[in-house]
Amino acid sequence: MPSARIREREPGVFQITVELGTDPTTGKRLQKFYTVRGGKRKAEREAARLLTAAQAGELVTPDKITVGEFLELWLEKYVQRHCRPKTIENYTYHLTKHVIPCLGHVKLAKLKTLQLEDYYADRQASGRLKGEGGLSAQSVLHHHRVLHEAFEHAIKWGYLLKNPAQHATPPRVNARDPQVLTEDESFLVIRAARDTRYYLPILLAVFMGLRRGEALGLRWPAIDWERKSLRVQEAYIQLDAGAEFGPTKTHRSKRPVTLPEFLIDALLEEKVAQEARKVEFPEVYKDQGLVCCKPDGEPWPPEPFGKGFSTWLKKLPVPSITFHKLRHSHISQALERGENLAVISSRVGHTSKAFTLDRYGHALTGADAGLAARLNERIQKGMNGGENGGELASSGPTPEPLCDTNGGGMEAKAGPDAKTAPGKGPKKLRIQARNLRRGRDSNSR
């Protein structure tokens, strides 16, 4: 039966010894030793956690498992069970093609932060699998995030006491403003696409901010004609093995979005066209309830659809962008118009307003200029007496004159239109005003 004991080696440093029984082949005691820095209560909590793991048979001797073995275990026990298909594919690729070949032989318990730093530098210098050169800073940063997540599970499962990626420094990624279309360019694209198969998907991206997979996975039952809205609840995603329907990118991506009248009309037009094709080609048409589909009702594979769109777009006098950049254009244009940040973030299914602001903060320049222009109008209106001009100014109490004209020796009250008499310039007025204040102060004393 496993047991654990605590010994204070020095002030604030405790050693936990976990007894795992005896080795059946050698008869030697099987022990594991851990060091905890901090108070005794922290050591007691850690000892209880380790003991629970040992009793469940989950406490593997650290020097017997390598980084590669653990990462394969993590992919099987956690990633395969809890992540989206695209995430599973992504994590598996980066770990099996890059991390495990480079770090897989290292004992997990012996992995140091410096080794991770060296790995990041090596991948940036010569990490490309095809051809020469290294990976981008963004790709290496992704490796760092995946490893950090994996090692956090290693701690939970009792393989590690601390995360070696916690203090590793990944390469710095220089933030770049996403390439987007202006509002005029967006409408040019929409008009050009009017009689093409890209028309409706473009409308959903430009006016609703839908992702490619969300647009291609949208079904007619998700549209509420009475409330004039649609609900994003699934996506048609591209995998190496082919395309398949699956969950949205995040739980926040499942969202209702209000439809503009123009888009409602376009959807009704497509609905009528699909019903006509069903009647005309009953043996060929395969109805899957999709809004954006092939002429025979089959879904459009996202990858070929995206490549076809990019090829078609090159014929137009607009920047060459991917279909996904239409979504970026929707968000950027909304921010430039000064729309509410919370509404925009919710509408496009972002995880938080902070993410929207961080990713699309460049678009606020236009919104800030608009705010300044509106503020300037209000300032001008207020300084000129409001909407009623001089009537508003004359309706208030008469302002007290700067100086007492009866006894102060001033021949005329200074105002914006008053002409200063000879010898009564601004300096003279200031001197007289100062003398009057001094006279009032002496009288008060």
Protein backbone atom coordinates (compact mmCIF):
# COMPACT_ATOMS: atom_id res chain seq x y z
CA MET A 1 0.00 0.00 0.00
CA PRO A 2 1.55 3.36 -1.03
CA SER A 3 2.41 5.82 1.71
CA ALA A 4 3.97 9.27 1.94
CA ARG A 5 6.03 11.11 4.54
CA ILE A 6 7.36 14.65 4.83
CA ARG A 7 10.75 15.78 6.11
CA GLU A 8 11.93 19.38 6.45
CA ARG A 9 15.44 19.47 5.00
CA GLU A 10 15.95 23.17 5.78
CA PRO A 11 13.68 26.10 6.63
CA GLY A 12 11.04 26.38 3.92
CA VAL A 13 12.25 23.31 1.99
CA PHE A 14 10.45 19.97 2.43
CA GLN A 15 11.20 16.54 1.00
CA ILE A 16 8.28 14.22 0.27
CA THR A 17 9.04 10.51 0.08
CA VAL A 18 6.39 8.32 -1.55
CA GLU A 19 6.72 4.59 -0.83
CA LEU A 20 5.47 2.48 -3.74
CA GLY A 21 6.19 -0.97 -2.32
CA THR A 22 8.97 -3.27 -3.50
CA ASP A 23 10.27 -4.30 -6.90
CA PRO A 24 9.10 -7.92 -7.48
CA THR A 25 12.28 -8.82 -9.36
CA THR A 26 14.93 -7.27 -7.11
CA GLY A 27 13.08 -6.96 -3.81
CA LYS A 28 14.27 -3.36 -3.45
CA ARG A 29 12.05 -0.62 -2.10
CA LEU A 30 10.44 1.58 -4.71
CA GLN A 31 10.54 5.21 -3.62
CA LYS A 32 9.98 8.57 -5.23
CA PHE A 33 11.35 11.80 -3.83
CA TYR A 34 9.94 15.29 -4.35
CA THR A 35 11.06 18.68 -3.13
CA VAL A 36 8.53 21.38 -2.19
CA ARG A 37 9.48 24.95 -1.35
CA GLY A 38 7.14 26.95 0.85
CA GLY A 39 5.20 26.30 4.01
CA LYS A 40 4.39 22.99 5.65
CA ARG A 41 0.74 23.19 4.62
CA LYS A 42 1.78 23.37 0.97
CA ALA A 43 3.96 20.29 1.45
CA GLU A 44 1.09 18.44 3.12
CA ARG A 45 -1.26 19.24 0.25
CA GLU A 46 1.29 18.07 -2.29
CA ALA A 47 1.94 14.87 -0.33
CA ALA A 48 -1.80 14.13 -0.25
CA ARG A 49 -2.06 14.67 -4.00
CA LEU A 50 0.91 12.42 -4.73
CA LEU A 51 -0.42 9.72 -2.44
CA THR A 52 -3.81 9.77 -4.16
CA ALA A 53 -2.08 9.46 -7.54
CA ALA A 54 0.08 6.58 -6.27
CA GLN A 55 -2.95 4.70 -4.91
CA ALA A 56 -4.68 5.09 -8.29
CA GLY A 57 -1.62 3.71 -10.07
CA GLU A 58 -1.08 6.97 -11.93
CA LEU A 59 2.24 7.89 -10.38
CA VAL A 60 4.88 6.81 -12.85
CA THR A 61 8.50 7.01 -11.87
CA PRO A 62 9.76 10.22 -13.51
CA ASP A 63 13.02 8.74 -14.73
CA LYS A 64 11.14 6.05 -16.66
CA ILE A 65 9.10 8.22 -19.02
CA THR A 66 10.47 10.39 -21.80
CA VAL A 67 9.05 13.59 -23.27
CA GLY A 68 8.03 11.67 -26.38
CA GLU A 69 6.24 8.95 -24.42
CA PHE A 70 4.36 11.50 -22.35
CA LEU A 71 3.30 13.61 -25.35
CA GLU A 72 1.94 10.51 -27.11
CA LEU A 73 0.07 9.64 -23.91
CA TRP A 74 -1.31 13.19 -23.70
CA LEU A 75 -2.50 13.09 -27.31
CA GLU A 76 -4.30 9.81 -26.63
CA LYS A 77 -5.77 10.48 -23.18
CA TYR A 78 -6.61 14.17 -23.42
CA VAL A 79 -6.43 15.68 -26.90
CA GLN A 80 -8.28 12.88 -28.68
CA ARG A 81 -11.06 12.94 -26.10
CA HIS A 82 -11.59 16.64 -25.48
CA CYS A 83 -10.50 18.67 -28.53
CA ARG A 84 -12.08 19.54 -31.87
CA PRO A 85 -11.03 17.48 -34.92
CA LYS A 86 -9.04 20.38 -36.38
CA THR A 87 -7.24 20.92 -33.05
CA ILE A 88 -6.43 17.20 -32.80
CA GLU A 89 -4.96 17.28 -36.29
CA ASN A 90 -3.01 20.46 -35.54
CA TYR A 91 -1.54 19.29 -32.21
CA THR A 92 -0.67 15.86 -33.59
CA TYR A 93 1.17 17.35 -36.55
CA HIS A 94 3.30 19.78 -34.56
CA LEU A 95 4.18 17.30 -31.82
CA THR A 96 4.96 14.30 -34.03
CA LYS A 97 6.74 16.24 -36.81
CA HIS A 98 8.72 18.72 -34.71
CA VAL A 99 8.73 18.34 -30.93
CA ILE A 100 9.08 14.58 -30.50
CA PRO A 101 11.88 14.16 -33.09
CA CYS A 102 13.86 16.90 -31.33
CA LEU A 103 13.02 16.44 -27.63
CA GLY A 104 11.32 13.04 -27.46
CA HIS A 105 14.41 11.22 -26.13
CA VAL A 106 14.80 13.51 -23.09
CA LYS A 107 13.54 12.20 -19.76
CA LEU A 108 10.47 14.21 -18.84
CA ALA A 109 11.66 14.89 -15.28
CA LYS A 110 15.03 16.08 -16.59
CA LEU A 111 13.68 18.53 -19.17
CA LYS A 112 14.92 22.03 -18.44
CA THR A 113 13.69 25.43 -19.48
CA LEU A 114 16.98 26.11 -21.27
CA GLN A 115 16.45 23.06 -23.48
CA LEU A 116 13.13 24.50 -24.60
CA GLU A 117 14.82 27.83 -25.34
CA ASP A 118 17.35 25.98 -27.52
CA TYR A 119 14.54 24.09 -29.25
CA TYR A 120 12.70 27.33 -30.12
CA ALA A 121 15.90 28.84 -31.55
CA ASP A 122 16.63 25.70 -33.58
CA ARG A 123 13.10 25.61 -35.07
CA GLN A 124 13.35 29.26 -36.07
CA ALA A 125 16.75 28.70 -37.68
CA SER A 126 16.19 25.41 -39.54
CA GLY A 127 12.81 23.95 -38.67
CA ARG A 128 11.18 23.89 -42.08
CA LEU A 129 10.38 20.32 -43.12
CA LYS A 130 10.35 21.04 -46.85
CA GLY A 131 13.25 23.04 -48.18
CA GLU A 132 15.66 25.22 -46.27
CA GLY A 133 14.98 27.81 -43.63
CA GLY A 134 13.18 27.98 -40.33
CA LEU A 135 9.68 28.25 -39.00
CA SER A 136 8.01 31.59 -38.44
CA ALA A 137 7.92 33.14 -34.99
CA GLN A 138 4.16 32.53 -34.95
CA SER A 139 4.63 28.79 -35.56
CA VAL A 140 7.27 28.45 -32.83
CA LEU A 141 5.04 30.40 -30.44
CA HIS A 142 2.32 27.86 -31.18
CA HIS A 143 4.74 25.03 -30.27
CA HIS A 144 5.43 26.78 -26.98
CA ARG A 145 1.73 27.09 -26.16
CA VAL A 146 1.05 23.44 -26.96
CA LEU A 147 3.96 22.29 -24.81
CA HIS A 148 2.90 24.53 -21.94
CA GLU A 149 -0.60 23.04 -22.05
CA ALA A 150 0.76 19.49 -22.21
CA PHE A 151 3.12 19.99 -19.24
CA GLU A 152 0.27 21.46 -17.19
CA HIS A 153 -1.47 18.11 -17.60
CA ALA A 154 1.78 16.37 -16.66
CA ILE A 155 1.60 18.19 -13.32
CA LYS A 156 -2.07 17.25 -12.82
CA TRP A 157 -1.32 13.62 -13.61
CA GLY A 158 1.65 13.43 -11.24
CA TYR A 159 4.46 13.27 -13.80
CA LEU A 160 5.92 16.70 -12.99
CA LEU A 161 6.00 19.09 -10.07
CA LYS A 162 6.59 22.21 -12.15
CA ASN A 163 6.14 23.25 -15.76
CA PRO A 164 9.47 23.62 -17.62
CA ALA A 165 7.74 25.84 -20.19
CA GLN A 166 6.52 28.27 -17.53
CA HIS A 167 9.59 30.48 -17.69
CA ALA A 168 10.68 29.71 -21.25
CA THR A 169 10.71 32.72 -23.57
CA PRO A 170 9.19 32.01 -27.00
CA PRO A 171 10.03 34.24 -29.97
CA ARG A 172 8.32 37.59 -30.10
CA VAL A 173 5.69 37.90 -32.80
CA ASN A 174 5.36 41.34 -34.33
CA ALA A 175 1.68 42.22 -34.49
CA ARG A 176 0.49 43.01 -38.00
CA ASP A 177 -2.74 44.67 -38.99
CA PRO A 178 -4.89 42.15 -40.88
CA GLN A 179 -5.31 42.94 -44.57
CA VAL A 180 -8.92 43.98 -45.14
CA LEU A 181 -11.17 45.58 -47.73
CA THR A 182 -12.63 49.05 -47.41
CA GLU A 183 -16.39 49.42 -47.44
CA ASP A 184 -16.33 50.59 -51.09
CA GLU A 185 -14.18 47.61 -52.07
CA SER A 186 -16.52 45.23 -50.24
CA PHE A 187 -19.51 46.51 -52.20
CA LEU A 188 -17.54 46.25 -55.44
CA VAL A 189 -16.88 42.56 -54.67
CA ILE A 190 -20.55 41.97 -53.82
CA ARG A 191 -21.76 43.53 -57.07
CA ALA A 192 -19.26 41.51 -59.11
CA ALA A 193 -20.33 38.26 -57.38
CA ARG A 194 -24.06 38.81 -57.98
CA ASP A 195 -24.45 36.01 -60.56
CA THR A 196 -21.76 33.66 -59.21
CA ARG A 197 -21.79 30.82 -56.70
CA TYR A 198 -19.76 32.97 -54.30
CA TYR A 199 -22.50 35.58 -53.86
CA LEU A 200 -24.31 34.27 -50.78
CA PRO A 201 -21.17 33.12 -48.89
CA ILE A 202 -19.66 36.58 -49.52
CA LEU A 203 -22.78 38.27 -48.11
CA LEU A 204 -22.62 36.09 -44.98
CA ALA A 205 -18.96 36.98 -44.45
CA VAL A 206 -19.14 40.70 -45.26
CA PHE A 207 -22.44 41.52 -43.50
CA MET A 208 -22.50 38.88 -40.74
CA GLY A 209 -18.84 38.13 -40.04
CA LEU A 210 -19.23 34.37 -40.55
CA ARG A 211 -16.13 32.22 -40.95
CA ARG A 212 -15.75 30.13 -44.10
CA GLY A 213 -16.68 26.89 -42.33
CA GLU A 214 -19.64 28.56 -40.61
CA ALA A 215 -21.01 29.86 -43.92
CA LEU A 216 -20.55 26.52 -45.72
CA GLY A 217 -22.05 24.63 -42.76
CA LEU A 218 -25.12 26.85 -42.35
CA ARG A 219 -28.43 25.01 -42.72
CA TRP A 220 -31.90 26.38 -43.41
CA PRO A 221 -33.38 25.35 -40.01
CA ALA A 222 -30.83 27.70 -38.37
CA ILE A 223 -32.60 30.70 -39.93
CA ASP A 224 -35.44 32.26 -37.95
CA TRP A 225 -37.50 34.12 -40.53
CA GLU A 226 -39.82 35.69 -37.97
CA ARG A 227 -37.06 37.12 -35.79
CA LYS A 228 -34.93 37.89 -38.84
CA SER A 229 -31.86 36.16 -37.45
CA LEU A 230 -29.72 33.09 -37.92
CA ARG A 231 -27.95 30.90 -35.39
CA VAL A 232 -24.40 29.70 -35.99
CA GLN A 233 -24.22 26.23 -34.46
CA GLU A 234 -21.93 24.08 -36.61
CA ALA A 235 -19.17 24.37 -39.19
CA TYR A 236 -17.95 22.48 -42.24
CA ILE A 237 -14.24 22.11 -41.58
CA GLN A 238 -11.33 20.97 -43.75
CA LEU A 239 -9.12 18.15 -42.45
CA ASP A 240 -6.25 16.27 -44.07
CA ALA A 241 -8.51 13.26 -44.56
CA GLY A 242 -11.28 15.39 -46.09
CA ALA A 243 -14.01 17.80 -44.97
CA GLU A 244 -16.57 17.04 -42.30
CA PHE A 245 -19.26 18.77 -40.25
CA GLY A 246 -18.26 19.53 -36.70
CA PRO A 247 -18.59 21.97 -33.81
CA THR A 248 -17.77 25.65 -34.12
CA LYS A 249 -14.31 26.97 -33.30
CA THR A 250 -15.18 27.83 -29.66
CA HIS A 251 -18.28 27.69 -27.48
CA ARG A 252 -18.70 31.45 -27.97
CA SER A 253 -18.83 30.87 -31.73
CA LYS A 254 -22.30 29.36 -31.27
CA ARG A 255 -24.31 32.55 -31.48
CA PRO A 256 -27.43 34.23 -32.85
CA VAL A 257 -26.87 37.00 -35.40
CA THR A 258 -29.50 39.47 -36.60
CA LEU A 259 -30.00 39.63 -40.37
CA PRO A 260 -30.26 42.86 -42.38
CA GLU A 261 -33.25 43.06 -44.75
CA PHE A 262 -31.02 42.89 -47.82
CA LEU A 263 -29.59 39.56 -46.72
CA ILE A 264 -33.04 38.17 -45.88
CA ASP A 265 -34.09 38.88 -49.46
CA ALA A 266 -30.96 37.17 -50.80
CA LEU A 267 -31.59 34.10 -48.62
CA LEU A 268 -35.22 33.85 -49.77
CA GLU A 269 -34.06 34.07 -53.38
CA GLU A 270 -31.60 31.20 -52.84
CA LYS A 271 -34.25 29.15 -51.04
CA VAL A 272 -36.63 29.48 -54.02
CA ALA A 273 -33.83 28.55 -56.45
CA GLN A 274 -32.96 25.42 -54.46
CA GLU A 275 -36.60 24.30 -54.34
CA ALA A 276 -36.78 24.70 -58.11
CA ARG A 277 -33.67 22.54 -58.60
CA LYS A 278 -35.12 19.85 -56.36
CA VAL A 279 -38.20 19.64 -58.59
CA GLU A 280 -36.22 19.83 -61.84
CA PHE A 281 -33.54 17.27 -60.88
CA PRO A 282 -35.14 14.97 -58.26
CA GLU A 283 -32.82 12.04 -58.99
CA VAL A 284 -29.62 14.05 -58.84
CA TYR A 285 -30.30 16.62 -56.13
CA LYS A 286 -29.09 15.52 -52.67
CA ASP A 287 -30.83 17.74 -50.16
CA GLN A 288 -28.80 18.21 -46.96
CA GLY A 289 -30.55 21.40 -45.90
CA LEU A 290 -27.50 23.55 -46.64
CA VAL A 291 -27.80 27.25 -47.43
CA CYS A 292 -24.51 27.49 -49.34
CA CYS A 293 -24.05 24.32 -51.38
CA LYS A 294 -23.23 22.99 -54.81
CA PRO A 295 -25.94 23.05 -57.49
CA ASP A 296 -26.76 19.40 -56.66
CA GLY A 297 -27.17 20.12 -52.93
CA GLU A 298 -23.83 18.60 -51.90
CA PRO A 299 -21.63 20.60 -49.50
CA TRP A 300 -18.69 22.59 -50.84
CA PRO A 301 -15.32 21.34 -49.53
CA PRO A 302 -13.82 24.40 -47.77
CA GLU A 303 -10.33 24.15 -49.27
CA PRO A 304 -11.33 24.01 -52.97
CA PHE A 305 -13.98 26.67 -52.30
CA GLY A 306 -11.40 29.00 -50.76
CA LYS A 307 -8.90 28.51 -53.60
CA GLY A 308 -11.61 29.11 -56.18
CA PHE A 309 -12.67 32.31 -54.45
CA SER A 310 -9.09 33.64 -54.34
CA THR A 311 -8.63 32.91 -58.04
CA TRP A 312 -11.91 34.67 -58.91
CA LEU A 313 -11.08 37.69 -56.73
CA LYS A 314 -7.81 38.33 -58.59
CA LYS A 315 -9.88 39.51 -61.57
CA LEU A 316 -11.17 42.48 -59.55
CA PRO A 317 -9.35 45.76 -58.79
CA VAL A 318 -9.17 45.04 -55.06
CA PRO A 319 -6.44 43.64 -52.76
CA SER A 320 -5.82 39.91 -53.16
CA ILE A 321 -7.18 38.38 -49.95
CA THR A 322 -8.47 35.04 -48.70
CA PHE A 323 -12.15 34.41 -48.04
CA HIS A 324 -11.51 34.61 -44.28
CA LYS A 325 -10.31 38.22 -44.70
CA LEU A 326 -13.89 39.16 -45.60
CA ARG A 327 -14.73 38.43 -41.96
CA HIS A 328 -11.83 40.65 -40.89
CA SER A 329 -13.20 43.35 -43.18
CA HIS A 330 -16.62 43.12 -41.52
CA ILE A 331 -15.11 43.62 -38.05
CA SER A 332 -12.74 46.40 -39.08
CA GLN A 333 -15.43 48.35 -40.91
CA ALA A 334 -17.81 48.07 -37.95
CA LEU A 335 -15.16 49.42 -35.59
CA GLU A 336 -14.32 52.25 -37.98
CA ARG A 337 -17.99 53.26 -38.00
CA GLY A 338 -17.87 53.48 -34.21
CA GLU A 339 -20.18 50.52 -33.55
CA ASN A 340 -20.38 49.14 -30.00
CA LEU A 341 -17.37 46.93 -29.24
CA ALA A 342 -19.38 44.46 -27.12
CA VAL A 343 -21.96 44.01 -29.89
CA ILE A 344 -19.27 43.44 -32.52
CA SER A 345 -17.41 40.90 -30.36
CA SER A 346 -20.62 38.97 -29.63
CA ARG A 347 -21.78 39.14 -33.25
CA VAL A 348 -18.64 37.50 -34.63
CA GLY A 349 -18.25 34.99 -31.79
CA HIS A 350 -15.01 36.21 -30.24
CA THR A 351 -14.05 34.88 -26.82
CA SER A 352 -13.93 38.39 -25.33
CA LYS A 353 -14.02 42.09 -26.10
CA ALA A 354 -10.33 42.22 -25.17
CA PHE A 355 -9.49 39.81 -27.99
CA THR A 356 -11.43 41.92 -30.51
CA LEU A 357 -9.71 45.08 -29.33
CA ASP A 358 -6.25 43.51 -29.38
CA ARG A 359 -6.67 42.01 -32.86
CA TYR A 360 -8.49 44.89 -34.54
CA GLY A 361 -7.37 47.93 -32.55
CA HIS A 362 -5.93 49.47 -35.73
CA ALA A 363 -9.49 50.06 -36.98
CA LEU A 364 -10.24 52.36 -34.06
CA THR A 365 -8.18 55.10 -35.71
CA GLY A 366 -11.09 55.86 -38.00
CA ALA A 367 -13.57 55.65 -35.13
CA ASP A 368 -11.42 58.03 -33.09
CA ALA A 369 -11.33 60.53 -35.96
CA GLY A 370 -15.10 60.33 -36.25
CA LEU A 371 -15.50 60.90 -32.53
CA ALA A 372 -13.24 63.94 -32.72
CA ALA A 373 -15.30 65.34 -35.62
CA ARG A 374 -18.58 64.85 -33.72
CA LEU A 375 -17.04 66.39 -30.61
CA ASN A 376 -15.90 69.38 -32.64
CA GLU A 377 -19.47 69.90 -33.90
CA ARG A 378 -20.79 69.87 -30.34
CA ILE A 379 -18.09 72.29 -29.21
CA GLN A 380 -18.91 74.69 -32.04
CA LYS A 381 -22.62 74.45 -31.28
CA GLY A 382 -22.08 75.00 -27.57
CA MET A 383 -19.72 77.93 -28.01
CA ASN A 384 -22.15 79.59 -30.41
CA GLY A 385 -24.99 79.38 -27.92
CA GLY A 386 -26.52 76.01 -28.73
CA GLU A 387 -29.05 75.24 -31.44
CA ASN A 388 -30.93 78.56 -30.91
CA GLY A 389 -27.82 80.69 -31.30
CA GLY A 390 -27.97 84.09 -29.58
CA GLU A 391 -31.46 83.53 -28.15
CA LEU A 392 -30.11 80.81 -25.89
CA ALA A 393 -27.24 83.02 -24.75
CA SER A 394 -29.55 85.98 -23.95
CA SER A 395 -32.00 83.83 -21.97
CA GLY A 396 -29.55 83.32 -19.10
CA PRO A 397 -28.56 85.75 -16.32
CA THR A 398 -26.54 88.78 -17.33
CA PRO A 399 -22.86 88.14 -16.63
CA GLU A 400 -21.16 90.37 -14.09
CA PRO A 401 -18.89 92.93 -15.79
CA LEU A 402 -15.18 92.48 -15.50
CA CYS A 403 -14.82 95.88 -13.81
CA ASP A 404 -17.08 98.38 -12.11
CA THR A 405 -17.75 100.90 -14.88
CA ASN A 406 -19.31 103.41 -12.47
CA GLY A 407 -16.31 103.85 -10.29
CA GLY A 408 -13.40 102.11 -11.97
CA GLY A 409 -12.61 104.80 -14.53
CA MET A 410 -13.24 102.55 -17.52
CA GLU A 411 -14.95 104.32 -20.39
CA ALA A 412 -16.24 101.13 -22.04
CA LYS A 413 -16.74 97.49 -21.10
CA ALA A 414 -14.33 95.20 -22.93
CA GLY A 415 -15.98 92.55 -25.03
CA PRO A 416 -15.27 90.42 -28.07
CA ASP A 417 -16.45 93.22 -30.43
CA ALA A 418 -15.42 96.23 -28.35
CA LYS A 419 -12.80 98.58 -29.72
CA THR A 420 -10.18 99.57 -27.24
CA ALA A 421 -9.83 103.30 -26.76
CA PRO A 422 -6.44 104.92 -27.31
CA GLY A 423 -4.24 104.25 -24.35
CA LYS A 424 -6.58 101.58 -23.02
CA GLY A 425 -4.93 98.49 -24.51
CA PRO A 426 -4.97 95.01 -22.98
CA LYS A 427 -2.07 95.81 -20.64
CA LYS A 428 -3.86 98.90 -19.31
CA LEU A 429 -7.03 96.87 -18.71
CA ARG A 430 -5.13 94.23 -16.75
CA ILE A 431 -3.52 96.90 -14.55
CA GLN A 432 -6.89 98.52 -13.82
CA ALA A 433 -8.48 95.17 -13.01
CA ARG A 434 -5.60 94.37 -10.63
CA ASN A 435 -6.00 97.72 -8.87
CA LEU A 436 -9.74 97.13 -8.46
CA ARG A 437 -9.12 93.71 -6.90
CA ARG A 438 -6.60 95.19 -4.52
CA GLY A 439 -9.13 97.88 -3.53
CA ARG A 440 -11.80 95.29 -2.76
CA ASP A 441 -9.34 93.20 -0.75
CA SER A 442 -8.30 96.21 1.38
CA ASN A 443 -11.95 97.17 2.01
CA SER A 444 -12.74 93.65 3.13
CA ARG A 445 -9.95 93.80 5.68
